[in-house]
Amino acid sequence: MYFVAKLGREDSETLIQPQRCTRCSNSSIYNRAYSGEALCGSCFCSSIEEKVKRAISKYGLLKHGDKVGVAVSGGKDSLTLLRILSEMCRHHASKIFAITIDEGISSYREEAIDLCKEFTGELDIPHCVVSFKELYGFSLDNVIKSRRVQGASACSICGILRRRAIDIAARSLGVDVIATAHNLDDMLQTFMINLLNGDMARVKWFDSAIKPKEEFVVRRVRPLMDIYEKEIAMYAFLKNTPFQTVSCPYMNEGIRSEIRSMLNALEEEHPGIKYSTLNSAIRISKSIAIDGRELKLCKMCNFPSSGELCSVCKTIEMVKGNMYI
């Protein structure tokens, strides 16, 4: 089975244990080790949709009538989020838009953009594509090929510039909120990276990353934050979502992949440890006392910043000062 091959041996074992669904008594296809549930395809998909709705309600992520911009990369997470939110928005007088950022990664991003265009067309959702080249004057490939930028990985540069590109697209569309497809694994990996780097300011912000921050022009929410990455993959497979399967060629430049493997190994031996770690991360972030940073406007781009120059403008200056474009 293609899906089993993509998930890997340890995950495929959850698909082949013959049991009855604990919700409806039909034949199960998935054993949820951390909860003890055995689920059929229909009940599994319903459980994922329920998790998204609970997260939205629990953290106050969306409001009735919101114009929602969904950051869509073409991967399983973002297309799953778009599918679920598109159905929810139809029942809450809300409008939804898809936003795709073209970083300029040759032989990778082109396929994703085509998938997003096709999928948003099927769902009848307006689709906006914004590129690094048109916003900043260079592509991510330009930056990486020069290799004269010191002290920054491809992921760190890309992350900073992608977030700004999404903000710009969101402003142009007039959306009230940006929904990103960060799942439980993504949240934990980011927390661990900041913790291991000793970046206590970012550890402190972890709780704020969950609860929407009203002081920004376009607030950000993460409706998939309570869902395991492999369960999103399962949902996408069951819904026949044609997501991109090729990984970004620059994804292994940072420590994130190693932390991902470590957390997956712990979860395999101790089902549910990711949920307990998430709860611990939230409590830790709330307990840290650090001096608050006054938000001001960047003197170059006029976006919110904690200093004279925001991280985006600093990154652009660094990139343009250390490469030939």
C-alpha atoms as a PDB file:
ATOM      1  CA  MET A   1       0.000   0.000   0.000  1.00  0.00           C
ATOM      2  CA  TYR A   2       1.432   3.402  -1.017  1.00  0.00           C
ATOM      3  CA  PHE A   3       0.343   5.089   2.203  1.00  0.00           C
ATOM      4  CA  VAL A   4       1.994   2.417   4.354  1.00  0.00           C
ATOM      5  CA  ALA A   5       5.215   2.895   2.420  1.00  0.00           C
ATOM      6  CA  LYS A   6       5.103   6.639   3.059  1.00  0.00           C
ATOM      7  CA  LEU A   7       4.422   6.315   6.784  1.00  0.00           C
ATOM      8  CA  GLY A   8       7.128   3.775   7.505  1.00  0.00           C
ATOM      9  CA  ARG A   9       7.191   0.378   9.208  1.00  0.00           C
ATOM     10  CA  GLU A  10       6.371   1.455  12.762  1.00  0.00           C
ATOM     11  CA  ASP A  11       3.391   3.572  11.643  1.00  0.00           C
ATOM     12  CA  SER A  12       2.094   0.940   9.211  1.00  0.00           C
ATOM     13  CA  GLU A  13       1.690  -1.501  12.092  1.00  0.00           C
ATOM     14  CA  THR A  14      -1.178   0.652  13.385  1.00  0.00           C
ATOM     15  CA  LEU A  15      -3.027  -0.006  10.116  1.00  0.00           C
ATOM     16  CA  ILE A  16      -3.008  -3.795   9.997  1.00  0.00           C
ATOM     17  CA  GLN A  17      -4.280  -4.963  13.376  1.00  0.00           C
ATOM     18  CA  PRO A  18      -7.725  -6.552  12.731  1.00  0.00           C
ATOM     19  CA  GLN A  19     -10.158  -5.015  15.208  1.00  0.00           C
ATOM     20  CA  ARG A  20     -13.592  -3.444  15.387  1.00  0.00           C
ATOM     21  CA  CYS A  21     -14.017   0.309  15.472  1.00  0.00           C
ATOM     22  CA  THR A  22     -14.586   1.397  19.072  1.00  0.00           C
ATOM     23  CA  ARG A  23     -17.054   4.056  17.889  1.00  0.00           C
ATOM     24  CA  CYS A  24     -19.274   2.237  15.389  1.00  0.00           C
ATOM     25  CA  SER A  25     -18.207  -1.457  15.402  1.00  0.00           C
ATOM     26  CA  ASN A  26     -17.211  -1.465  11.724  1.00  0.00           C
ATOM     27  CA  SER A  27     -13.838  -2.931  10.785  1.00  0.00           C
ATOM     28  CA  SER A  28     -11.062  -0.677  12.021  1.00  0.00           C
ATOM     29  CA  ILE A  29      -8.104   0.438   9.933  1.00  0.00           C
ATOM     30  CA  TYR A  30      -6.203   2.471  12.529  1.00  0.00           C
ATOM     31  CA  ASN A  31      -5.120   1.842  16.113  1.00  0.00           C
ATOM     32  CA  ARG A  32      -4.601   5.064  18.066  1.00  0.00           C
ATOM     33  CA  ALA A  33      -2.056   3.910  20.627  1.00  0.00           C
ATOM     34  CA  TYR A  34      -2.161   7.005  22.839  1.00  0.00           C
ATOM     35  CA  SER A  35      -5.943   6.748  23.376  1.00  0.00           C
ATOM     36  CA  GLY A  36      -6.496   2.992  23.000  1.00  0.00           C
ATOM     37  CA  GLU A  37      -9.019   3.550  20.201  1.00  0.00           C
ATOM     38  CA  ALA A  38      -9.420   1.408  17.104  1.00  0.00           C
ATOM     39  CA  LEU A  39     -11.060   3.428  14.329  1.00  0.00           C
ATOM     40  CA  CYS A  40     -12.610   2.783  10.945  1.00  0.00           C
ATOM     41  CA  GLY A  41     -11.849   5.241   8.144  1.00  0.00           C
ATOM     42  CA  SER A  42     -15.010   7.282   8.596  1.00  0.00           C
ATOM     43  CA  CYS A  43     -14.696   7.592  12.359  1.00  0.00           C
ATOM     44  CA  PHE A  44     -10.988   8.386  12.082  1.00  0.00           C
ATOM     45  CA  CYS A  45     -11.689  11.287   9.692  1.00  0.00           C
ATOM     46  CA  SER A  46     -14.496  12.523  11.943  1.00  0.00           C
ATOM     47  CA  SER A  47     -12.127  12.435  14.938  1.00  0.00           C
ATOM     48  CA  ILE A  48      -9.591  14.656  13.122  1.00  0.00           C
ATOM     49  CA  GLU A  49     -12.284  17.167  12.224  1.00  0.00           C
ATOM     50  CA  GLU A  50     -13.483  17.114  15.841  1.00  0.00           C
ATOM     51  CA  LYS A  51      -9.943  17.840  17.060  1.00  0.00           C
ATOM     52  CA  VAL A  52      -9.736  20.890  14.806  1.00  0.00           C
ATOM     53  CA  LYS A  53     -13.090  22.192  16.042  1.00  0.00           C
ATOM     54  CA  ARG A  54     -12.073  21.639  19.683  1.00  0.00           C
ATOM     55  CA  ALA A  55      -8.807  23.517  19.196  1.00  0.00           C
ATOM     56  CA  ILE A  56     -10.637  26.434  17.576  1.00  0.00           C
ATOM     57  CA  SER A  57     -13.096  26.548  20.463  1.00  0.00           C
ATOM     58  CA  LYS A  58     -10.546  25.934  23.233  1.00  0.00           C
ATOM     59  CA  TYR A  59      -8.088  28.621  22.145  1.00  0.00           C
ATOM     60  CA  GLY A  60     -10.574  31.030  20.563  1.00  0.00           C
ATOM     61  CA  LEU A  61      -8.854  30.807  17.194  1.00  0.00           C
ATOM     62  CA  LEU A  62     -11.659  31.920  14.876  1.00  0.00           C
ATOM     63  CA  LYS A  63     -14.703  34.162  15.141  1.00  0.00           C
ATOM     64  CA  HIS A  64     -18.036  34.000  13.361  1.00  0.00           C
ATOM     65  CA  GLY A  65     -17.788  35.887  10.075  1.00  0.00           C
ATOM     66  CA  ASP A  66     -13.977  35.978   9.950  1.00  0.00           C
ATOM     67  CA  LYS A  67     -12.268  36.285   6.576  1.00  0.00           C
ATOM     68  CA  VAL A  68      -9.694  33.492   6.832  1.00  0.00           C
ATOM     69  CA  GLY A  69      -6.481  33.252   4.855  1.00  0.00           C
ATOM     70  CA  VAL A  70      -5.040  29.732   4.858  1.00  0.00           C
ATOM     71  CA  ALA A  71      -1.316  29.381   4.175  1.00  0.00           C
ATOM     72  CA  VAL A  72      -1.173  26.507   1.660  1.00  0.00           C
ATOM     73  CA  SER A  73       2.142  24.963   0.649  1.00  0.00           C
ATOM     74  CA  GLY A  74       0.877  21.919  -1.263  1.00  0.00           C
ATOM     75  CA  GLY A  75       1.794  19.453   1.477  1.00  0.00           C
ATOM     76  CA  LYS A  76      -0.532  17.136   3.395  1.00  0.00           C
ATOM     77  CA  ASP A  77      -0.900  19.438   6.404  1.00  0.00           C
ATOM     78  CA  SER A  78      -1.905  22.625   4.632  1.00  0.00           C
ATOM     79  CA  LEU A  79      -4.256  20.942   2.148  1.00  0.00           C
ATOM     80  CA  THR A  80      -5.908  19.037   4.996  1.00  0.00           C
ATOM     81  CA  LEU A  81      -6.367  22.279   6.910  1.00  0.00           C
ATOM     82  CA  LEU A  82      -7.825  23.980   3.830  1.00  0.00           C
ATOM     83  CA  ARG A  83     -10.293  21.112   3.290  1.00  0.00           C
ATOM     84  CA  ILE A  84     -11.517  21.141   6.898  1.00  0.00           C
ATOM     85  CA  LEU A  85     -11.742  24.921   7.236  1.00  0.00           C
ATOM     86  CA  SER A  86     -13.483  25.315   3.879  1.00  0.00           C
ATOM     87  CA  GLU A  87     -16.296  23.092   5.134  1.00  0.00           C
ATOM     88  CA  MET A  88     -16.461  24.827   8.509  1.00  0.00           C
ATOM     89  CA  CYS A  89     -16.480  28.333   7.014  1.00  0.00           C
ATOM     90  CA  ARG A  90     -19.500  27.514   4.893  1.00  0.00           C
ATOM     91  CA  HIS A  91     -21.493  27.058   8.107  1.00  0.00           C
ATOM     92  CA  HIS A  92     -20.226  30.189   9.863  1.00  0.00           C
ATOM     93  CA  ALA A  93     -20.760  32.961   7.316  1.00  0.00           C
ATOM     94  CA  SER A  94     -16.995  33.136   6.869  1.00  0.00           C
ATOM     95  CA  LYS A  95     -14.947  33.670   3.715  1.00  0.00           C
ATOM     96  CA  ILE A  96     -11.805  31.687   3.038  1.00  0.00           C
ATOM     97  CA  PHE A  97      -8.773  32.361   0.839  1.00  0.00           C
ATOM     98  CA  ALA A  98      -5.712  30.250   0.050  1.00  0.00           C
ATOM     99  CA  ILE A  99      -2.238  31.816   0.116  1.00  0.00           C
ATOM    100  CA  THR A 100       0.779  30.090  -1.435  1.00  0.00           C
ATOM    101  CA  ILE A 101       4.322  31.416  -1.196  1.00  0.00           C
ATOM    102  CA  ASP A 102       6.741  30.673  -4.033  1.00  0.00           C
ATOM    103  CA  GLU A 103      10.181  30.781  -2.412  1.00  0.00           C
ATOM    104  CA  GLY A 104      11.876  30.025  -5.706  1.00  0.00           C
ATOM    105  CA  ILE A 105      13.044  26.443  -5.115  1.00  0.00           C
ATOM    106  CA  SER A 106      13.619  24.882  -8.521  1.00  0.00           C
ATOM    107  CA  SER A 107      12.105  21.434  -9.270  1.00  0.00           C
ATOM    108  CA  TYR A 108      10.191  21.546  -5.982  1.00  0.00           C
ATOM    109  CA  ARG A 109       7.869  24.501  -5.596  1.00  0.00           C
ATOM    110  CA  GLU A 110       6.452  24.298  -9.150  1.00  0.00           C
ATOM    111  CA  GLU A 111       4.685  20.999  -8.428  1.00  0.00           C
ATOM    112  CA  ALA A 112       3.284  22.348  -5.167  1.00  0.00           C
ATOM    113  CA  ILE A 113       1.842  25.460  -6.818  1.00  0.00           C
ATOM    114  CA  ASP A 114       0.139  23.328  -9.477  1.00  0.00           C
ATOM    115  CA  LEU A 115      -1.351  21.066  -6.780  1.00  0.00           C
ATOM    116  CA  CYS A 116      -2.624  24.086  -4.834  1.00  0.00           C
ATOM    117  CA  LYS A 117      -4.204  25.623  -7.923  1.00  0.00           C
ATOM    118  CA  GLU A 118      -5.989  22.367  -8.769  1.00  0.00           C
ATOM    119  CA  PHE A 119      -7.151  21.751  -5.193  1.00  0.00           C
ATOM    120  CA  THR A 120      -8.399  25.286  -4.569  1.00  0.00           C
ATOM    121  CA  GLY A 121     -10.211  25.113  -7.901  1.00  0.00           C
ATOM    122  CA  GLU A 122     -12.032  21.960  -6.799  1.00  0.00           C
ATOM    123  CA  LEU A 123     -13.033  23.628  -3.517  1.00  0.00           C
ATOM    124  CA  ASP A 124     -13.929  26.898  -5.291  1.00  0.00           C
ATOM    125  CA  ILE A 125     -11.575  28.905  -3.060  1.00  0.00           C
ATOM    126  CA  PRO A 126      -9.727  32.039  -4.284  1.00  0.00           C
ATOM    127  CA  HIS A 127      -5.990  31.344  -4.533  1.00  0.00           C
ATOM    128  CA  CYS A 128      -3.225  33.955  -4.188  1.00  0.00           C
ATOM    129  CA  VAL A 129       0.411  33.164  -5.092  1.00  0.00           C
ATOM    130  CA  VAL A 130       3.210  35.511  -3.953  1.00  0.00           C
ATOM    131  CA  SER A 131       6.889  34.969  -4.757  1.00  0.00           C
ATOM    132  CA  PHE A 132      10.120  35.883  -2.979  1.00  0.00           C
ATOM    133  CA  LYS A 133      11.420  37.199  -6.299  1.00  0.00           C
ATOM    134  CA  GLU A 134       8.693  39.816  -6.689  1.00  0.00           C
ATOM    135  CA  LEU A 135       8.759  40.828  -3.013  1.00  0.00           C
ATOM    136  CA  TYR A 136      12.478  40.771  -2.222  1.00  0.00           C
ATOM    137  CA  GLY A 137      14.250  40.675  -5.570  1.00  0.00           C
ATOM    138  CA  PHE A 138      15.794  37.240  -5.074  1.00  0.00           C
ATOM    139  CA  SER A 139      14.749  33.596  -4.755  1.00  0.00           C
ATOM    140  CA  LEU A 140      15.782  31.150  -2.031  1.00  0.00           C
ATOM    141  CA  ASP A 141      17.837  29.285  -4.641  1.00  0.00           C
ATOM    142  CA  ASN A 142      19.748  32.533  -5.312  1.00  0.00           C
ATOM    143  CA  VAL A 143      20.568  32.806  -1.605  1.00  0.00           C
ATOM    144  CA  ILE A 144      21.656  29.193  -1.168  1.00  0.00           C
ATOM    145  CA  LYS A 145      23.710  28.968  -4.362  1.00  0.00           C
ATOM    146  CA  SER A 146      25.817  31.949  -3.367  1.00  0.00           C
ATOM    147  CA  ARG A 147      26.658  30.371   0.003  1.00  0.00           C
ATOM    148  CA  ARG A 148      28.209  33.629   1.142  1.00  0.00           C
ATOM    149  CA  VAL A 149      25.529  34.218   3.781  1.00  0.00           C
ATOM    150  CA  GLN A 150      27.105  33.330   7.102  1.00  0.00           C
ATOM    151  CA  GLY A 151      25.448  32.149  10.330  1.00  0.00           C
ATOM    152  CA  ALA A 152      22.021  31.360   8.900  1.00  0.00           C
ATOM    153  CA  SER A 153      20.546  28.124   7.556  1.00  0.00           C
ATOM    154  CA  ALA A 154      18.225  27.956   4.579  1.00  0.00           C
ATOM    155  CA  CYS A 155      15.335  27.180   6.926  1.00  0.00           C
ATOM    156  CA  SER A 156      15.940  30.193   9.161  1.00  0.00           C
ATOM    157  CA  ILE A 157      16.137  32.600   6.213  1.00  0.00           C
ATOM    158  CA  CYS A 158      13.159  31.021   4.475  1.00  0.00           C
ATOM    159  CA  GLY A 159      11.021  31.000   7.645  1.00  0.00           C
ATOM    160  CA  ILE A 160      11.496  34.712   8.302  1.00  0.00           C
ATOM    161  CA  LEU A 161      10.805  35.715   4.705  1.00  0.00           C
ATOM    162  CA  ARG A 162       7.855  33.326   4.287  1.00  0.00           C
ATOM    163  CA  ARG A 163       6.087  34.740   7.329  1.00  0.00           C
ATOM    164  CA  ARG A 164       6.393  38.263   5.967  1.00  0.00           C
ATOM    165  CA  ALA A 165       5.234  37.176   2.504  1.00  0.00           C
ATOM    166  CA  ILE A 166       2.138  35.598   4.043  1.00  0.00           C
ATOM    167  CA  ASP A 167       1.461  38.810   6.003  1.00  0.00           C
ATOM    168  CA  ILE A 168       1.710  40.901   2.843  1.00  0.00           C
ATOM    169  CA  ALA A 169      -0.627  38.586   0.936  1.00  0.00           C
ATOM    170  CA  ALA A 170      -3.068  38.560   3.852  1.00  0.00           C
ATOM    171  CA  ARG A 171      -3.147  42.345   3.984  1.00  0.00           C
ATOM    172  CA  SER A 172      -3.777  42.570   0.245  1.00  0.00           C
ATOM    173  CA  LEU A 173      -6.702  40.156   0.573  1.00  0.00           C
ATOM    174  CA  GLY A 174      -8.092  41.960   3.613  1.00  0.00           C
ATOM    175  CA  VAL A 175      -8.313  38.822   5.749  1.00  0.00           C
ATOM    176  CA  ASP A 176      -8.894  38.954   9.511  1.00  0.00           C
ATOM    177  CA  VAL A 177      -6.842  35.897  10.421  1.00  0.00           C
ATOM    178  CA  ILE A 178      -4.130  33.696   8.928  1.00  0.00           C
ATOM    179  CA  ALA A 179      -4.435  29.955   9.575  1.00  0.00           C
ATOM    180  CA  THR A 180      -1.209  27.984   9.278  1.00  0.00           C
ATOM    181  CA  ALA A 181      -0.941  24.189   9.236  1.00  0.00           C
ATOM    182  CA  HIS A 182       1.524  23.714  12.090  1.00  0.00           C
ATOM    183  CA  ASN A 183       0.735  20.346  13.664  1.00  0.00           C
ATOM    184  CA  LEU A 184       1.571  18.947  17.107  1.00  0.00           C
ATOM    185  CA  ASP A 185       4.969  17.709  15.915  1.00  0.00           C
ATOM    186  CA  ASP A 186       5.859  21.101  14.419  1.00  0.00           C
ATOM    187  CA  MET A 187       4.955  22.885  17.654  1.00  0.00           C
ATOM    188  CA  LEU A 188       7.073  20.552  19.791  1.00  0.00           C
ATOM    189  CA  GLN A 189      10.040  20.700  17.431  1.00  0.00           C
ATOM    190  CA  THR A 190      10.023  24.503  17.525  1.00  0.00           C
ATOM    191  CA  PHE A 191       9.798  24.505  21.314  1.00  0.00           C
ATOM    192  CA  MET A 192      12.709  22.074  21.618  1.00  0.00           C
ATOM    193  CA  ILE A 193      14.854  24.057  19.175  1.00  0.00           C
ATOM    194  CA  ASN A 194      14.349  27.237  21.188  1.00  0.00           C
ATOM    195  CA  LEU A 195      14.926  25.407  24.477  1.00  0.00           C
ATOM    196  CA  LEU A 196      18.149  23.771  23.289  1.00  0.00           C
ATOM    197  CA  ASN A 197      19.365  27.099  21.899  1.00  0.00           C
ATOM    198  CA  GLY A 198      18.711  28.750  25.256  1.00  0.00           C
ATOM    199  CA  ASP A 199      16.383  31.256  23.580  1.00  0.00           C
ATOM    200  CA  MET A 200      14.147  31.833  26.603  1.00  0.00           C
ATOM    201  CA  ALA A 201      12.375  34.772  24.982  1.00  0.00           C
ATOM    202  CA  ARG A 202      11.066  32.482  22.253  1.00  0.00           C
ATOM    203  CA  VAL A 203      10.263  29.770  24.794  1.00  0.00           C
ATOM    204  CA  LYS A 204       8.221  32.389  26.638  1.00  0.00           C
ATOM    205  CA  TRP A 205       6.380  33.216  23.409  1.00  0.00           C
ATOM    206  CA  PHE A 206       5.276  29.586  22.982  1.00  0.00           C
ATOM    207  CA  ASP A 207       1.996  30.183  24.788  1.00  0.00           C
ATOM    208  CA  SER A 208       1.419  33.324  22.743  1.00  0.00           C
ATOM    209  CA  ALA A 209       2.001  31.272  19.592  1.00  0.00           C
ATOM    210  CA  ILE A 210      -1.035  29.200  20.551  1.00  0.00           C
ATOM    211  CA  LYS A 211      -3.352  32.012  21.581  1.00  0.00           C
ATOM    212  CA  PRO A 212      -3.993  34.684  18.924  1.00  0.00           C
ATOM    213  CA  LYS A 213      -2.185  37.984  19.499  1.00  0.00           C
ATOM    214  CA  GLU A 214      -4.564  40.859  18.920  1.00  0.00           C
ATOM    215  CA  GLU A 215      -1.868  43.536  18.661  1.00  0.00           C
ATOM    216  CA  PHE A 216      -0.841  42.388  15.186  1.00  0.00           C
ATOM    217  CA  VAL A 217      -2.751  43.577  12.140  1.00  0.00           C
ATOM    218  CA  VAL A 218      -3.455  40.019  10.971  1.00  0.00           C
ATOM    219  CA  ARG A 219      -3.581  37.483  13.785  1.00  0.00           C
ATOM    220  CA  ARG A 220      -2.239  33.955  13.273  1.00  0.00           C
ATOM    221  CA  VAL A 221      -3.816  30.706  14.383  1.00  0.00           C
ATOM    222  CA  ARG A 222      -2.800  27.029  14.271  1.00  0.00           C
ATOM    223  CA  PRO A 223      -5.920  24.827  14.172  1.00  0.00           C
ATOM    224  CA  LEU A 224      -3.908  21.594  13.690  1.00  0.00           C
ATOM    225  CA  MET A 225      -1.731  22.089  16.775  1.00  0.00           C
ATOM    226  CA  ASP A 226      -3.351  19.179  18.686  1.00  0.00           C
ATOM    227  CA  ILE A 227      -2.964  16.646  15.870  1.00  0.00           C
ATOM    228  CA  TYR A 228      -0.069  14.265  15.210  1.00  0.00           C
ATOM    229  CA  GLU A 229       1.691  14.641  11.865  1.00  0.00           C
ATOM    230  CA  LYS A 230       1.148  10.989  10.943  1.00  0.00           C
ATOM    231  CA  GLU A 231      -2.588  11.288  11.630  1.00  0.00           C
ATOM    232  CA  ILE A 232      -2.808  14.228   9.240  1.00  0.00           C
ATOM    233  CA  ALA A 233      -1.083  12.049   6.642  1.00  0.00           C
ATOM    234  CA  MET A 234      -3.657   9.332   7.310  1.00  0.00           C
ATOM    235  CA  TYR A 235      -6.534  11.788   6.928  1.00  0.00           C
ATOM    236  CA  ALA A 236      -5.119  13.123   3.647  1.00  0.00           C
ATOM    237  CA  PHE A 237      -4.791   9.568   2.315  1.00  0.00           C
ATOM    238  CA  LEU A 238      -8.346   8.620   3.269  1.00  0.00           C
ATOM    239  CA  LYS A 239      -9.708  11.803   1.679  1.00  0.00           C
ATOM    240  CA  ASN A 240      -7.703  11.189  -1.513  1.00  0.00           C
ATOM    241  CA  THR A 241      -5.922  14.515  -1.177  1.00  0.00           C
ATOM    242  CA  PRO A 242      -3.219  14.766  -3.897  1.00  0.00           C
ATOM    243  CA  PHE A 243      -0.510  16.328  -1.731  1.00  0.00           C
ATOM    244  CA  GLN A 244       3.136  16.863  -2.667  1.00  0.00           C
ATOM    245  CA  THR A 245       5.313  13.989  -1.460  1.00  0.00           C
ATOM    246  CA  VAL A 246       8.757  15.392  -2.345  1.00  0.00           C
ATOM    247  CA  SER A 247      10.526  17.034   0.596  1.00  0.00           C
ATOM    248  CA  CYS A 248      12.171  20.431   0.402  1.00  0.00           C
ATOM    249  CA  PRO A 249      15.826  19.935  -0.662  1.00  0.00           C
ATOM    250  CA  TYR A 250      16.975  22.277   2.116  1.00  0.00           C
ATOM    251  CA  MET A 251      14.996  20.731   4.977  1.00  0.00           C
ATOM    252  CA  ASN A 252      17.942  18.930   6.606  1.00  0.00           C
ATOM    253  CA  GLU A 253      20.168  21.969   7.083  1.00  0.00           C
ATOM    254  CA  GLY A 254      18.947  22.629  10.639  1.00  0.00           C
ATOM    255  CA  ILE A 255      18.495  20.566  13.793  1.00  0.00           C
ATOM    256  CA  ARG A 256      14.740  20.125  13.312  1.00  0.00           C
ATOM    257  CA  SER A 257      14.999  16.758  11.532  1.00  0.00           C
ATOM    258  CA  GLU A 258      17.035  15.273  14.392  1.00  0.00           C
ATOM    259  CA  ILE A 259      14.547  16.507  16.999  1.00  0.00           C
ATOM    260  CA  ARG A 260      11.704  15.117  14.901  1.00  0.00           C
ATOM    261  CA  SER A 261      13.317  11.661  14.887  1.00  0.00           C
ATOM    262  CA  MET A 262      13.940  11.807  18.637  1.00  0.00           C
ATOM    263  CA  LEU A 263      10.326  12.733  19.440  1.00  0.00           C
ATOM    264  CA  ASN A 264       8.978  10.032  17.118  1.00  0.00           C
ATOM    265  CA  ALA A 265      11.170   7.409  18.807  1.00  0.00           C
ATOM    266  CA  LEU A 266       9.926   8.475  22.247  1.00  0.00           C
ATOM    267  CA  GLU A 267       6.302   8.380  21.078  1.00  0.00           C
ATOM    268  CA  GLU A 268       6.769   4.887  19.693  1.00  0.00           C
ATOM    269  CA  GLU A 269       7.926   3.616  23.109  1.00  0.00           C
ATOM    270  CA  HIS A 270       5.642   5.869  25.196  1.00  0.00           C
ATOM    271  CA  PRO A 271       2.364   6.591  23.366  1.00  0.00           C
ATOM    272  CA  GLY A 272       0.945   9.984  24.266  1.00  0.00           C
ATOM    273  CA  ILE A 273       4.242  11.524  25.346  1.00  0.00           C
ATOM    274  CA  LYS A 274       3.893  14.207  22.670  1.00  0.00           C
ATOM    275  CA  TYR A 275       0.656  15.435  24.244  1.00  0.00           C
ATOM    276  CA  SER A 276       2.185  15.536  27.708  1.00  0.00           C
ATOM    277  CA  THR A 277       5.212  17.361  26.313  1.00  0.00           C
ATOM    278  CA  LEU A 278       2.941  19.942  24.673  1.00  0.00           C
ATOM    279  CA  ASN A 279       1.179  20.570  27.967  1.00  0.00           C
ATOM    280  CA  SER A 280       4.533  20.887  29.731  1.00  0.00           C
ATOM    281  CA  ALA A 281       5.759  23.328  27.081  1.00  0.00           C
ATOM    282  CA  ILE A 282       2.708  25.530  27.599  1.00  0.00           C
ATOM    283  CA  ARG A 283       3.188  25.498  31.380  1.00  0.00           C
ATOM    284  CA  ILE A 284       6.898  26.256  31.072  1.00  0.00           C
ATOM    285  CA  SER A 285       6.250  29.185  28.733  1.00  0.00           C
ATOM    286  CA  LYS A 286       3.724  30.640  31.174  1.00  0.00           C
ATOM    287  CA  SER A 287       6.115  30.342  34.115  1.00  0.00           C
ATOM    288  CA  ILE A 288       9.048  32.193  32.555  1.00  0.00           C
ATOM    289  CA  ALA A 289       9.412  35.801  33.653  1.00  0.00           C
ATOM    290  CA  ILE A 290      11.322  37.980  31.225  1.00  0.00           C
ATOM    291  CA  ASP A 291      11.234  41.644  30.462  1.00  0.00           C
ATOM    292  CA  GLY A 292       8.497  42.415  27.980  1.00  0.00           C
ATOM    293  CA  ARG A 293       9.517  43.987  24.696  1.00  0.00           C
ATOM    294  CA  GLU A 294       7.633  47.029  23.546  1.00  0.00           C
ATOM    295  CA  LEU A 295       6.297  46.659  20.034  1.00  0.00           C
ATOM    296  CA  LYS A 296       7.038  49.496  17.633  1.00  0.00           C
ATOM    297  CA  LEU A 297       7.069  49.886  13.860  1.00  0.00           C
ATOM    298  CA  CYS A 298      10.121  48.977  11.801  1.00  0.00           C
ATOM    299  CA  LYS A 299      11.631  52.166  10.380  1.00  0.00           C
ATOM    300  CA  MET A 300      12.123  50.512   6.972  1.00  0.00           C
ATOM    301  CA  CYS A 301       8.952  48.485   6.322  1.00  0.00           C
ATOM    302  CA  ASN A 302       6.504  49.811   8.935  1.00  0.00           C
ATOM    303  CA  PHE A 303       5.631  46.321  10.169  1.00  0.00           C
ATOM    304  CA  PRO A 304       5.512  45.542  13.928  1.00  0.00           C
ATOM    305  CA  SER A 305       8.976  45.091  15.429  1.00  0.00           C
ATOM    306  CA  SER A 306      10.659  44.922  18.830  1.00  0.00           C
ATOM    307  CA  GLY A 307      13.581  47.023  17.563  1.00  0.00           C
ATOM    308  CA  GLU A 308      14.407  49.762  15.075  1.00  0.00           C
ATOM    309  CA  LEU A 309      14.660  47.152  12.325  1.00  0.00           C
ATOM    310  CA  CYS A 310      12.496  44.030  12.137  1.00  0.00           C
ATOM    311  CA  SER A 311      13.983  40.563  11.560  1.00  0.00           C
ATOM    312  CA  VAL A 312      12.804  40.588   7.941  1.00  0.00           C
ATOM    313  CA  CYS A 313      14.601  43.816   7.025  1.00  0.00           C
ATOM    314  CA  LYS A 314      17.717  42.617   8.865  1.00  0.00           C
ATOM    315  CA  THR A 315      17.613  39.348   6.909  1.00  0.00           C
ATOM    316  CA  ILE A 316      17.151  41.115   3.572  1.00  0.00           C
ATOM    317  CA  GLU A 317      20.081  43.421   4.320  1.00  0.00           C
ATOM    318  CA  MET A 318      22.219  40.461   5.341  1.00  0.00           C
ATOM    319  CA  VAL A 319      21.309  38.491   2.215  1.00  0.00           C
ATOM    320  CA  LYS A 320      21.838  41.361  -0.211  1.00  0.00           C
ATOM    321  CA  GLY A 321      25.089  42.310   1.476  1.00  0.00           C
ATOM    322  CA  ASN A 322      26.524  38.800   1.211  1.00  0.00           C
ATOM    323  CA  MET A 323      25.564  37.572  -2.232  1.00  0.00           C
ATOM    324  CA  TYR A 324      25.397  38.417  -5.891  1.00  0.00           C
ATOM    325  CA  ILE A 325      21.755  38.579  -6.998  1.00  0.00           C
END
